Amino acid sequence: MIYLKTEDEIALLRESNQIVAKTLAEVGKYIQPGVTTKYLDQIGEDFIRSCGAVPSFLNYNGYPASLCLSINDVVVHGIPSVKTVLREGDILSVDCGAYKNGFHGDSTYTFRVGEVDEKVVNLLRTTKESLYLGIEQAIDGNRLGDIGNAVQTHCQKRGYSVVREMVGHGVGRHLHEEPEVCNYGKRGSGVLLKAGMVIAIEPMINMGSRHIVIENDGWTTRTMDRKPSAHFEHTVVVRKGKAEILSSFDYVQEVLGDRFI
């Protein structure tokens, strides 16, 4: 079942997503070599709670943390740990969810840790560009395949690969709702998009092969060839003419300044 949201519900979704956007920026202030991912997770959880929300991810299907913090070849669902220390040249995707007033927010930004190889920076830049190209297709009357095709075409033209097993999703009273939003597809195919649908579009793009493996912890998902992967995500409302982005990278940009990709 795909639920179309009312304007009142969208206003609540916008509030939750703005909390997520501000949390990403708050965590971003502390991303530097020598910091543990557990420390960043605590910063994220404390900030979410200070906004009157609760972390969407904490204990979700047994997930043990408030943020997913994925370094380098970890595509998604990296579990924060006191043993995991950021190093110069790493990239770190921070995936955050917040729940308030009955609705979830969900967004991801991939940060650079210190000075990062330019080839990896280009992967990040291309992945983020593909997110916005996908969002451009999230309009009433289009189909889900139009979103996936826009992401896939942009990234593959630049020699990158698209993760197939992990996808975007509907967002609302539940963190993951229908429909699934693939980052690949054929134009004009898939579910018809209707005004009022709220979806998370989240390209997960690999420098090497698209294939992934899940570690024994049941969460940590890596690239099979151990090459870097980037991840960017916005929650958006399907509208007539132009999608509305409920989350934001503006706060991250304020923190990063000229290091903003």
C-alpha atoms as a PDB file:
ATOM      1  CA  MET A   1       0.000   0.000   0.000  1.00  0.00           C
ATOM      2  CA  ILE A   2       1.336   3.419  -1.019  1.00  0.00           C
ATOM      3  CA  TYR A   3       0.018   6.257   1.124  1.00  0.00           C
ATOM      4  CA  LEU A   4      -0.467   9.740  -0.258  1.00  0.00           C
ATOM      5  CA  LYS A   5       0.232  12.333   2.417  1.00  0.00           C
ATOM      6  CA  THR A   6      -1.958  15.305   3.269  1.00  0.00           C
ATOM      7  CA  GLU A   7      -0.429  18.771   3.535  1.00  0.00           C
ATOM      8  CA  ASP A   8      -0.677  18.557   7.336  1.00  0.00           C
ATOM      9  CA  GLU A   9       1.237  15.269   7.291  1.00  0.00           C
ATOM     10  CA  ILE A  10       3.822  16.717   4.913  1.00  0.00           C
ATOM     11  CA  ALA A  11       4.368  19.601   7.349  1.00  0.00           C
ATOM     12  CA  LEU A  12       5.171  17.090  10.102  1.00  0.00           C
ATOM     13  CA  LEU A  13       7.429  15.141   7.755  1.00  0.00           C
ATOM     14  CA  ARG A  14       9.210  18.376   6.893  1.00  0.00           C
ATOM     15  CA  GLU A  15       9.870  19.039  10.588  1.00  0.00           C
ATOM     16  CA  SER A  16      11.361  15.574  11.134  1.00  0.00           C
ATOM     17  CA  ASN A  17      13.505  15.889   8.032  1.00  0.00           C
ATOM     18  CA  GLN A  18      14.809  19.289   9.070  1.00  0.00           C
ATOM     19  CA  ILE A  19      15.882  17.759  12.379  1.00  0.00           C
ATOM     20  CA  VAL A  20      17.787  15.129  10.397  1.00  0.00           C
ATOM     21  CA  ALA A  21      19.375  17.832   8.227  1.00  0.00           C
ATOM     22  CA  LYS A  22      20.572  19.735  11.291  1.00  0.00           C
ATOM     23  CA  THR A  23      21.845  16.524  12.893  1.00  0.00           C
ATOM     24  CA  LEU A  24      23.995  15.776   9.836  1.00  0.00           C
ATOM     25  CA  ALA A  25      25.529  19.223  10.169  1.00  0.00           C
ATOM     26  CA  GLU A  26      26.103  18.829  13.911  1.00  0.00           C
ATOM     27  CA  VAL A  27      27.856  15.505  13.400  1.00  0.00           C
ATOM     28  CA  GLY A  28      29.827  17.020  10.526  1.00  0.00           C
ATOM     29  CA  LYS A  29      31.436  19.523  12.929  1.00  0.00           C
ATOM     30  CA  TYR A  30      33.304  16.680  14.631  1.00  0.00           C
ATOM     31  CA  ILE A  31      34.369  14.597  11.632  1.00  0.00           C
ATOM     32  CA  GLN A  32      38.169  14.558  11.583  1.00  0.00           C
ATOM     33  CA  PRO A  33      41.036  12.089  11.833  1.00  0.00           C
ATOM     34  CA  GLY A  34      41.276  10.397  15.236  1.00  0.00           C
ATOM     35  CA  VAL A  35      37.567  10.517  16.074  1.00  0.00           C
ATOM     36  CA  THR A  36      35.697   7.273  16.736  1.00  0.00           C
ATOM     37  CA  THR A  37      32.415   6.519  15.032  1.00  0.00           C
ATOM     38  CA  LYS A  38      30.884   5.755  18.441  1.00  0.00           C
ATOM     39  CA  TYR A  39      31.638   9.325  19.511  1.00  0.00           C
ATOM     40  CA  LEU A  40      29.900  10.670  16.407  1.00  0.00           C
ATOM     41  CA  ASP A  41      26.915   8.413  17.032  1.00  0.00           C
ATOM     42  CA  GLN A  42      26.506   9.815  20.542  1.00  0.00           C
ATOM     43  CA  ILE A  43      26.653  13.371  19.207  1.00  0.00           C
ATOM     44  CA  GLY A  44      23.942  12.502  16.698  1.00  0.00           C
ATOM     45  CA  GLU A  45      21.679  10.837  19.241  1.00  0.00           C
ATOM     46  CA  ASP A  46      22.048  13.667  21.751  1.00  0.00           C
ATOM     47  CA  PHE A  47      21.223  16.281  19.119  1.00  0.00           C
ATOM     48  CA  ILE A  48      18.170  14.398  17.838  1.00  0.00           C
ATOM     49  CA  ARG A  49      16.815  14.093  21.361  1.00  0.00           C
ATOM     50  CA  SER A  50      17.522  17.771  22.058  1.00  0.00           C
ATOM     51  CA  CYS A  51      15.129  18.554  19.196  1.00  0.00           C
ATOM     52  CA  GLY A  52      12.323  16.613  20.882  1.00  0.00           C
ATOM     53  CA  ALA A  53      12.687  13.670  18.512  1.00  0.00           C
ATOM     54  CA  VAL A  54      14.001  10.122  18.865  1.00  0.00           C
ATOM     55  CA  PRO A  55      16.474   8.327  16.593  1.00  0.00           C
ATOM     56  CA  SER A  56      14.584   6.325  13.969  1.00  0.00           C
ATOM     57  CA  PHE A  57      17.358   3.766  13.571  1.00  0.00           C
ATOM     58  CA  LEU A  58      18.012   2.883  17.224  1.00  0.00           C
ATOM     59  CA  ASN A  59      16.740  -0.681  17.797  1.00  0.00           C
ATOM     60  CA  TYR A  60      15.085  -0.711  14.352  1.00  0.00           C
ATOM     61  CA  ASN A  61      15.004  -4.420  13.512  1.00  0.00           C
ATOM     62  CA  GLY A  62      17.683  -4.793  16.167  1.00  0.00           C
ATOM     63  CA  TYR A  63      20.076  -2.141  14.826  1.00  0.00           C
ATOM     64  CA  PRO A  64      22.213  -1.128  17.835  1.00  0.00           C
ATOM     65  CA  ALA A  65      22.928   2.561  17.150  1.00  0.00           C
ATOM     66  CA  SER A  66      21.339   5.893  16.247  1.00  0.00           C
ATOM     67  CA  LEU A  67      23.322   6.564  13.070  1.00  0.00           C
ATOM     68  CA  CYS A  68      24.653   4.382  10.274  1.00  0.00           C
ATOM     69  CA  LEU A  69      28.298   5.390   9.866  1.00  0.00           C
ATOM     70  CA  SER A  70      29.920   3.776   6.855  1.00  0.00           C
ATOM     71  CA  ILE A  71      33.586   4.271   5.992  1.00  0.00           C
ATOM     72  CA  ASN A  72      35.202   3.894   2.545  1.00  0.00           C
ATOM     73  CA  ASP A  73      34.162   0.498   1.147  1.00  0.00           C
ATOM     74  CA  VAL A  74      31.203   0.167   3.528  1.00  0.00           C
ATOM     75  CA  VAL A  75      28.172   0.972   1.396  1.00  0.00           C
ATOM     76  CA  VAL A  76      25.569   1.220   4.171  1.00  0.00           C
ATOM     77  CA  HIS A  77      24.709   0.166   7.729  1.00  0.00           C
ATOM     78  CA  GLY A  78      28.143   0.597   9.269  1.00  0.00           C
ATOM     79  CA  ILE A  79      27.754   0.129  13.028  1.00  0.00           C
ATOM     80  CA  PRO A  80      29.432   2.793  15.198  1.00  0.00           C
ATOM     81  CA  SER A  81      32.203   1.479  17.448  1.00  0.00           C
ATOM     82  CA  VAL A  82      34.792   2.741  19.914  1.00  0.00           C
ATOM     83  CA  LYS A  83      37.297   0.676  17.932  1.00  0.00           C
ATOM     84  CA  THR A  84      36.552   2.340  14.605  1.00  0.00           C
ATOM     85  CA  VAL A  85      38.689   5.454  14.241  1.00  0.00           C
ATOM     86  CA  LEU A  86      38.544   7.880  11.326  1.00  0.00           C
ATOM     87  CA  ARG A  87      41.767   8.332   9.389  1.00  0.00           C
ATOM     88  CA  GLU A  88      43.074  10.987   7.040  1.00  0.00           C
ATOM     89  CA  GLY A  89      41.747  10.352   3.539  1.00  0.00           C
ATOM     90  CA  ASP A  90      38.667   8.373   4.597  1.00  0.00           C
ATOM     91  CA  ILE A  91      35.159   9.065   3.422  1.00  0.00           C
ATOM     92  CA  LEU A  92      32.269   8.628   5.864  1.00  0.00           C
ATOM     93  CA  SER A  93      28.604   8.375   4.958  1.00  0.00           C
ATOM     94  CA  VAL A  94      26.350   9.523   7.790  1.00  0.00           C
ATOM     95  CA  ASP A  95      22.847   8.100   7.439  1.00  0.00           C
ATOM     96  CA  CYS A  96      20.403   9.598   9.924  1.00  0.00           C
ATOM     97  CA  GLY A  97      16.738   9.170  10.799  1.00  0.00           C
ATOM     98  CA  ALA A  98      14.596  11.076  13.304  1.00  0.00           C
ATOM     99  CA  TYR A  99      11.046  10.430  14.506  1.00  0.00           C
ATOM    100  CA  LYS A 100       8.796  13.169  15.829  1.00  0.00           C
ATOM    101  CA  ASN A 101       5.034  13.754  15.950  1.00  0.00           C
ATOM    102  CA  GLY A 102       4.398  10.360  14.387  1.00  0.00           C
ATOM    103  CA  PHE A 103       6.569  10.813  11.296  1.00  0.00           C
ATOM    104  CA  HIS A 104      10.120   9.971  10.252  1.00  0.00           C
ATOM    105  CA  GLY A 105      12.852  11.934   8.530  1.00  0.00           C
ATOM    106  CA  ASP A 106      15.683  10.255   6.619  1.00  0.00           C
ATOM    107  CA  SER A 107      18.770  11.662   4.885  1.00  0.00           C
ATOM    108  CA  THR A 108      22.423  10.835   4.210  1.00  0.00           C
ATOM    109  CA  TYR A 109      25.543  12.835   3.417  1.00  0.00           C
ATOM    110  CA  THR A 110      28.995  11.432   2.659  1.00  0.00           C
ATOM    111  CA  PHE A 111      31.753  13.494   4.275  1.00  0.00           C
ATOM    112  CA  ARG A 112      35.467  13.717   3.541  1.00  0.00           C
ATOM    113  CA  VAL A 113      37.911  13.114   6.399  1.00  0.00           C
ATOM    114  CA  GLY A 114      40.861  15.426   5.887  1.00  0.00           C
ATOM    115  CA  GLU A 115      42.393  15.422   2.425  1.00  0.00           C
ATOM    116  CA  VAL A 116      40.816  12.817   0.147  1.00  0.00           C
ATOM    117  CA  ASP A 117      42.094  11.440  -3.155  1.00  0.00           C
ATOM    118  CA  GLU A 118      40.614  13.412  -6.056  1.00  0.00           C
ATOM    119  CA  LYS A 119      39.334  10.231  -7.706  1.00  0.00           C
ATOM    120  CA  VAL A 120      37.255   9.523  -4.605  1.00  0.00           C
ATOM    121  CA  VAL A 121      36.063  13.136  -4.461  1.00  0.00           C
ATOM    122  CA  ASN A 122      34.799  12.732  -8.027  1.00  0.00           C
ATOM    123  CA  LEU A 123      32.852   9.644  -6.941  1.00  0.00           C
ATOM    124  CA  LEU A 124      31.198  11.675  -4.182  1.00  0.00           C
ATOM    125  CA  ARG A 125      30.445  14.560  -6.511  1.00  0.00           C
ATOM    126  CA  THR A 126      28.927  12.303  -9.164  1.00  0.00           C
ATOM    127  CA  THR A 127      26.791  10.443  -6.619  1.00  0.00           C
ATOM    128  CA  LYS A 128      25.412  13.685  -5.213  1.00  0.00           C
ATOM    129  CA  GLU A 129      24.714  14.991  -8.714  1.00  0.00           C
ATOM    130  CA  SER A 130      22.813  11.796  -9.504  1.00  0.00           C
ATOM    131  CA  LEU A 131      20.649  12.300  -6.418  1.00  0.00           C
ATOM    132  CA  TYR A 132      19.431  15.655  -7.702  1.00  0.00           C
ATOM    133  CA  LEU A 133      18.931  14.286 -11.210  1.00  0.00           C
ATOM    134  CA  GLY A 134      16.750  11.577  -9.687  1.00  0.00           C
ATOM    135  CA  ILE A 135      14.816  14.164  -7.695  1.00  0.00           C
ATOM    136  CA  GLU A 136      14.092  16.093 -10.900  1.00  0.00           C
ATOM    137  CA  GLN A 137      12.158  13.050 -12.102  1.00  0.00           C
ATOM    138  CA  ALA A 138      10.052  12.750  -8.917  1.00  0.00           C
ATOM    139  CA  ILE A 139       7.032  14.531 -10.346  1.00  0.00           C
ATOM    140  CA  ASP A 140       3.388  13.640 -10.735  1.00  0.00           C
ATOM    141  CA  GLY A 141       2.824  11.541 -13.862  1.00  0.00           C
ATOM    142  CA  ASN A 142       6.342  10.124 -14.096  1.00  0.00           C
ATOM    143  CA  ARG A 143       7.239   6.607 -13.023  1.00  0.00           C
ATOM    144  CA  LEU A 144       9.732   5.173 -10.582  1.00  0.00           C
ATOM    145  CA  GLY A 145      11.860   3.921 -13.464  1.00  0.00           C
ATOM    146  CA  ASP A 146      12.446   7.536 -14.514  1.00  0.00           C
ATOM    147  CA  ILE A 147      14.146   8.223 -11.175  1.00  0.00           C
ATOM    148  CA  GLY A 148      16.302   5.108 -11.295  1.00  0.00           C
ATOM    149  CA  ASN A 149      17.235   5.644 -14.916  1.00  0.00           C
ATOM    150  CA  ALA A 150      18.391   9.205 -14.247  1.00  0.00           C
ATOM    151  CA  VAL A 151      20.660   8.036 -11.417  1.00  0.00           C
ATOM    152  CA  GLN A 152      21.987   5.014 -13.291  1.00  0.00           C
ATOM    153  CA  THR A 153      22.689   6.834 -16.550  1.00  0.00           C
ATOM    154  CA  HIS A 154      24.600   9.654 -14.902  1.00  0.00           C
ATOM    155  CA  CYS A 155      26.801   7.397 -12.792  1.00  0.00           C
ATOM    156  CA  GLN A 156      27.491   4.698 -15.361  1.00  0.00           C
ATOM    157  CA  LYS A 157      28.512   7.296 -17.947  1.00  0.00           C
ATOM    158  CA  ARG A 158      31.305   8.208 -15.570  1.00  0.00           C
ATOM    159  CA  GLY A 159      32.419   4.635 -15.085  1.00  0.00           C
ATOM    160  CA  TYR A 160      30.787   3.944 -11.721  1.00  0.00           C
ATOM    161  CA  SER A 161      28.404   1.151 -10.775  1.00  0.00           C
ATOM    162  CA  VAL A 162      25.010   1.207  -9.064  1.00  0.00           C
ATOM    163  CA  VAL A 163      24.238  -0.992  -6.079  1.00  0.00           C
ATOM    164  CA  ARG A 164      21.135  -3.045  -6.908  1.00  0.00           C
ATOM    165  CA  GLU A 165      20.257  -4.735  -3.616  1.00  0.00           C
ATOM    166  CA  MET A 166      19.881  -1.547  -1.536  1.00  0.00           C
ATOM    167  CA  VAL A 167      17.171   0.900  -2.519  1.00  0.00           C
ATOM    168  CA  GLY A 168      15.267   3.986  -1.491  1.00  0.00           C
ATOM    169  CA  HIS A 169      11.760   3.780  -0.088  1.00  0.00           C
ATOM    170  CA  GLY A 170       8.599   5.513   0.960  1.00  0.00           C
ATOM    171  CA  VAL A 171       8.761   7.544   4.188  1.00  0.00           C
ATOM    172  CA  GLY A 172       5.951   8.410   6.573  1.00  0.00           C
ATOM    173  CA  ARG A 173       4.569   6.999   9.790  1.00  0.00           C
ATOM    174  CA  HIS A 174       6.926   4.098   9.156  1.00  0.00           C
ATOM    175  CA  LEU A 175      10.611   4.547   8.359  1.00  0.00           C
ATOM    176  CA  HIS A 176      10.358   2.229   5.366  1.00  0.00           C
ATOM    177  CA  GLU A 177       7.133   2.249   3.390  1.00  0.00           C
ATOM    178  CA  GLU A 178       6.199   1.284  -0.131  1.00  0.00           C
ATOM    179  CA  PRO A 179       7.303   1.832  -2.820  1.00  0.00           C
ATOM    180  CA  GLU A 180      10.904   0.701  -3.188  1.00  0.00           C
ATOM    181  CA  VAL A 181      12.900   3.324  -5.103  1.00  0.00           C
ATOM    182  CA  CYS A 182      15.648   1.681  -7.150  1.00  0.00           C
ATOM    183  CA  ASN A 183      18.698   3.587  -8.364  1.00  0.00           C
ATOM    184  CA  TYR A 184      18.518   1.886 -11.741  1.00  0.00           C
ATOM    185  CA  GLY A 185      15.723   1.236 -14.181  1.00  0.00           C
ATOM    186  CA  LYS A 186      14.054   1.890 -17.486  1.00  0.00           C
ATOM    187  CA  ARG A 187      12.361   5.164 -18.331  1.00  0.00           C
ATOM    188  CA  GLY A 188       8.591   4.933 -18.315  1.00  0.00           C
ATOM    189  CA  SER A 189       8.545   1.767 -16.219  1.00  0.00           C
ATOM    190  CA  GLY A 190       7.442   1.024 -12.679  1.00  0.00           C
ATOM    191  CA  VAL A 191       4.955   2.547 -10.283  1.00  0.00           C
ATOM    192  CA  LEU A 192       3.165   5.708 -11.385  1.00  0.00           C
ATOM    193  CA  LEU A 193       4.212   8.694  -9.278  1.00  0.00           C
ATOM    194  CA  LYS A 194       1.395  10.734  -7.767  1.00  0.00           C
ATOM    195  CA  ALA A 195       1.386  14.071  -5.987  1.00  0.00           C
ATOM    196  CA  GLY A 196       1.571  13.516  -2.244  1.00  0.00           C
ATOM    197  CA  MET A 197       3.846  10.489  -2.342  1.00  0.00           C
ATOM    198  CA  VAL A 198       6.829  10.933  -0.013  1.00  0.00           C
ATOM    199  CA  ILE A 199       9.934   8.944  -0.912  1.00  0.00           C
ATOM    200  CA  ALA A 200      13.588   8.718   0.060  1.00  0.00           C
ATOM    201  CA  ILE A 201      15.852   8.758  -2.984  1.00  0.00           C
ATOM    202  CA  GLU A 202      19.314   7.490  -2.053  1.00  0.00           C
ATOM    203  CA  PRO A 203      21.922   6.628  -4.672  1.00  0.00           C
ATOM    204  CA  MET A 204      24.571   4.177  -3.432  1.00  0.00           C
ATOM    205  CA  ILE A 205      27.327   4.251  -6.029  1.00  0.00           C
ATOM    206  CA  ASN A 206      30.536   2.218  -6.163  1.00  0.00           C
ATOM    207  CA  MET A 207      33.873   3.084  -7.690  1.00  0.00           C
ATOM    208  CA  GLY A 208      34.353  -0.526  -8.765  1.00  0.00           C
ATOM    209  CA  SER A 209      31.971  -3.447  -9.101  1.00  0.00           C
ATOM    210  CA  ARG A 210      28.324  -3.102  -8.062  1.00  0.00           C
ATOM    211  CA  HIS A 211      28.465  -6.311  -6.050  1.00  0.00           C
ATOM    212  CA  ILE A 212      28.235  -6.196  -2.259  1.00  0.00           C
ATOM    213  CA  VAL A 213      28.641  -8.502   0.725  1.00  0.00           C
ATOM    214  CA  ILE A 214      27.062  -8.350   4.181  1.00  0.00           C
ATOM    215  CA  GLU A 215      29.347  -8.984   7.130  1.00  0.00           C
ATOM    216  CA  ASN A 216      28.668 -11.517   9.890  1.00  0.00           C
ATOM    217  CA  ASP A 217      27.115  -8.832  12.099  1.00  0.00           C
ATOM    218  CA  GLY A 218      24.137  -8.888   9.727  1.00  0.00           C
ATOM    219  CA  TRP A 219      24.345  -5.143   9.009  1.00  0.00           C
ATOM    220  CA  THR A 220      27.693  -3.907   7.682  1.00  0.00           C
ATOM    221  CA  THR A 221      27.452  -3.952   3.887  1.00  0.00           C
ATOM    222  CA  ARG A 222      30.692  -3.648   1.901  1.00  0.00           C
ATOM    223  CA  THR A 223      31.686  -3.555  -1.725  1.00  0.00           C
ATOM    224  CA  MET A 224      32.874  -6.999  -2.771  1.00  0.00           C
ATOM    225  CA  ASP A 225      36.045  -5.612  -4.334  1.00  0.00           C
ATOM    226  CA  ARG A 226      36.681  -3.308  -1.339  1.00  0.00           C
ATOM    227  CA  LYS A 227      36.660  -0.175  -3.488  1.00  0.00           C
ATOM    228  CA  PRO A 228      35.014   3.011  -2.149  1.00  0.00           C
ATOM    229  CA  SER A 229      31.278   3.623  -2.184  1.00  0.00           C
ATOM    230  CA  ALA A 230      29.358   6.896  -1.803  1.00  0.00           C
ATOM    231  CA  HIS A 231      25.833   7.489  -0.502  1.00  0.00           C
ATOM    232  CA  PHE A 232      23.628  10.586  -0.569  1.00  0.00           C
ATOM    233  CA  GLU A 233      19.929  10.736   0.320  1.00  0.00           C
ATOM    234  CA  HIS A 234      17.027  13.182   0.464  1.00  0.00           C
ATOM    235  CA  THR A 235      13.404  12.680   1.437  1.00  0.00           C
ATOM    236  CA  VAL A 236      11.147  14.354  -1.121  1.00  0.00           C
ATOM    237  CA  VAL A 237       7.484  14.953  -1.885  1.00  0.00           C
ATOM    238  CA  VAL A 238       6.234  14.134  -5.353  1.00  0.00           C
ATOM    239  CA  ARG A 239       4.570  17.284  -6.665  1.00  0.00           C
ATOM    240  CA  LYS A 240       3.170  18.473  -9.968  1.00  0.00           C
ATOM    241  CA  GLY A 241       5.928  20.114 -11.984  1.00  0.00           C
ATOM    242  CA  LYS A 242       8.743  19.969  -9.419  1.00  0.00           C
ATOM    243  CA  ALA A 243       9.503  17.745  -6.419  1.00  0.00           C
ATOM    244  CA  GLU A 244       9.812  19.300  -2.970  1.00  0.00           C
ATOM    245  CA  ILE A 245      12.869  18.321  -0.917  1.00  0.00           C
ATOM    246  CA  LEU A 246      11.940  17.956   2.760  1.00  0.00           C
ATOM    247  CA  SER A 247      15.482  17.315   4.010  1.00  0.00           C
ATOM    248  CA  SER A 248      18.388  19.658   3.295  1.00  0.00           C
ATOM    249  CA  PHE A 249      22.147  19.856   2.877  1.00  0.00           C
ATOM    250  CA  ASP A 250      22.157  23.608   3.562  1.00  0.00           C
ATOM    251  CA  TYR A 251      23.162  23.171   7.206  1.00  0.00           C
ATOM    252  CA  VAL A 252      25.986  20.829   6.185  1.00  0.00           C
ATOM    253  CA  GLN A 253      27.144  23.437   3.688  1.00  0.00           C
ATOM    254  CA  GLU A 254      27.252  26.061   6.454  1.00  0.00           C
ATOM    255  CA  VAL A 255      29.516  23.801   8.508  1.00  0.00           C
ATOM    256  CA  LEU A 256      31.792  22.649   5.669  1.00  0.00           C
ATOM    257  CA  GLY A 257      32.112  25.934   3.808  1.00  0.00           C
ATOM    258  CA  ASP A 258      34.435  25.537   0.829  1.00  0.00           C
ATOM    259  CA  ARG A 259      34.824  21.834   1.648  1.00  0.00           C
ATOM    260  CA  PHE A 260      31.195  21.267   0.712  1.00  0.00           C
ATOM    261  CA  ILE A 261      30.968  19.047  -2.351  1.00  0.00           C
END
